[in-house]
Amino acid sequence: MKAFLTVIGKDKVGIVAAISDELFKLNVNIVDITQTIMDDFLTMVVMVDLEKSPKSFDEIKKALKERGEAIGVEAKIQREEIFNKMHRI
């Protein structure tokens, strides 16, 4: 299953490293990543593949939320089908 992870927060050193480290620990593969800095705020969107993770979606969601909070950013993950339905015109 693929999902989209969004990370938003005040830019600082180590955000990408911390999030990618958590994905590594969860055995979640990064398929694509984009990021931008807008007025000192980082906005990052990551497409991930959850197929090989031994963790449930809810466990992954909780771990990423907690890691985000620990570094001062908001990290939210949505299943691809939900993300696509929300962004259709």
Protein backbone atom coordinates (compact mmCIF):
# COMPACT_ATOMS: atom_id res chain seq x y z
CA MET A 1 0.00 0.00 0.00
CA LYS A 2 1.19 3.50 -0.80
CA ALA A 3 0.58 6.55 1.35
CA PHE A 4 1.38 10.25 1.50
CA LEU A 5 3.24 11.72 4.43
CA THR A 6 3.10 15.48 4.94
CA VAL A 7 5.52 17.26 7.25
CA ILE A 8 5.09 20.93 8.12
CA GLY A 9 6.94 23.07 10.61
CA LYS A 10 9.50 25.76 11.27
CA ASP A 11 12.60 24.89 9.27
CA LYS A 12 15.66 23.69 11.16
CA VAL A 13 18.53 21.28 10.72
CA GLY A 14 17.64 17.59 10.94
CA ILE A 15 13.97 17.41 10.00
CA VAL A 16 14.48 15.34 6.83
CA ALA A 17 17.03 13.15 8.63
CA ALA A 18 14.71 12.48 11.58
CA ILE A 19 11.70 11.64 9.42
CA SER A 20 13.68 9.43 7.03
CA ASP A 21 15.28 7.70 10.03
CA GLU A 22 11.83 6.90 11.44
CA LEU A 23 10.71 5.56 8.06
CA PHE A 24 13.84 3.39 7.99
CA LYS A 25 13.05 2.01 11.47
CA LEU A 26 9.51 1.18 10.29
CA ASN A 27 10.85 -0.45 7.09
CA VAL A 28 8.87 2.03 5.00
CA ASN A 29 10.30 2.87 1.57
CA ILE A 30 10.40 6.43 0.23
CA VAL A 31 9.06 6.39 -3.34
CA ASP A 32 9.16 10.13 -4.01
CA ILE A 33 9.84 13.25 -1.97
CA THR A 34 9.42 16.97 -2.48
CA GLN A 35 10.04 19.82 -0.13
CA THR A 36 10.08 23.58 -0.10
CA ILE A 37 10.87 26.33 2.34
CA MET A 38 8.30 29.12 2.50
CA ASP A 39 9.01 32.04 4.84
CA ASP A 40 11.10 29.88 7.24
CA PHE A 41 8.62 26.98 7.19
CA LEU A 42 9.38 23.57 5.74
CA THR A 43 6.66 21.84 3.74
CA MET A 44 7.53 18.28 2.74
CA VAL A 45 5.40 15.69 0.96
CA VAL A 46 6.65 12.12 0.81
CA MET A 47 5.08 9.25 -1.11
CA VAL A 48 5.87 6.04 0.74
CA ASP A 49 5.38 2.32 0.18
CA LEU A 50 4.22 0.47 3.31
CA GLU A 51 4.18 -3.04 1.81
CA LYS A 52 7.30 -4.36 3.55
CA SER A 53 6.68 -2.81 6.94
CA PRO A 54 5.80 -5.29 9.68
CA LYS A 55 3.80 -2.52 11.40
CA SER A 56 0.12 -1.73 10.90
CA PHE A 57 -0.93 1.56 9.33
CA ASP A 58 -2.06 2.83 12.73
CA GLU A 59 1.31 1.94 14.31
CA ILE A 60 3.14 3.74 11.49
CA LYS A 61 0.85 6.76 11.84
CA LYS A 62 1.46 6.92 15.60
CA ALA A 63 5.23 6.54 15.29
CA LEU A 64 5.49 9.31 12.69
CA LYS A 65 3.24 11.63 14.69
CA GLU A 66 5.36 11.10 17.80
CA ARG A 67 8.64 11.59 15.93
CA GLY A 68 7.29 14.78 14.38
CA GLU A 69 6.23 16.11 17.77
CA ALA A 70 9.65 15.26 19.20
CA ILE A 71 11.35 17.49 16.60
CA GLY A 72 8.71 20.22 16.57
CA VAL A 73 6.88 19.52 13.31
CA GLU A 74 3.52 18.11 12.33
CA ALA A 75 3.75 14.78 10.51
CA LYS A 76 0.57 13.25 9.08
CA ILE A 77 0.17 10.20 6.88
CA GLN A 78 -2.79 9.27 4.67
CA ARG A 79 -3.46 6.23 2.58
CA GLU A 80 -3.07 6.95 -1.15
CA GLU A 81 -6.72 6.31 -1.96
CA ILE A 82 -7.90 8.77 0.71
CA PHE A 83 -5.37 11.38 -0.41
CA ASN A 84 -6.45 11.02 -4.05
CA LYS A 85 -10.17 11.33 -3.21
CA MET A 86 -9.53 14.45 -1.15
CA HIS A 87 -7.58 16.13 -3.97
CA ARG A 88 -9.85 15.40 -6.91
CA ILE A 89 -11.71 18.21 -8.57
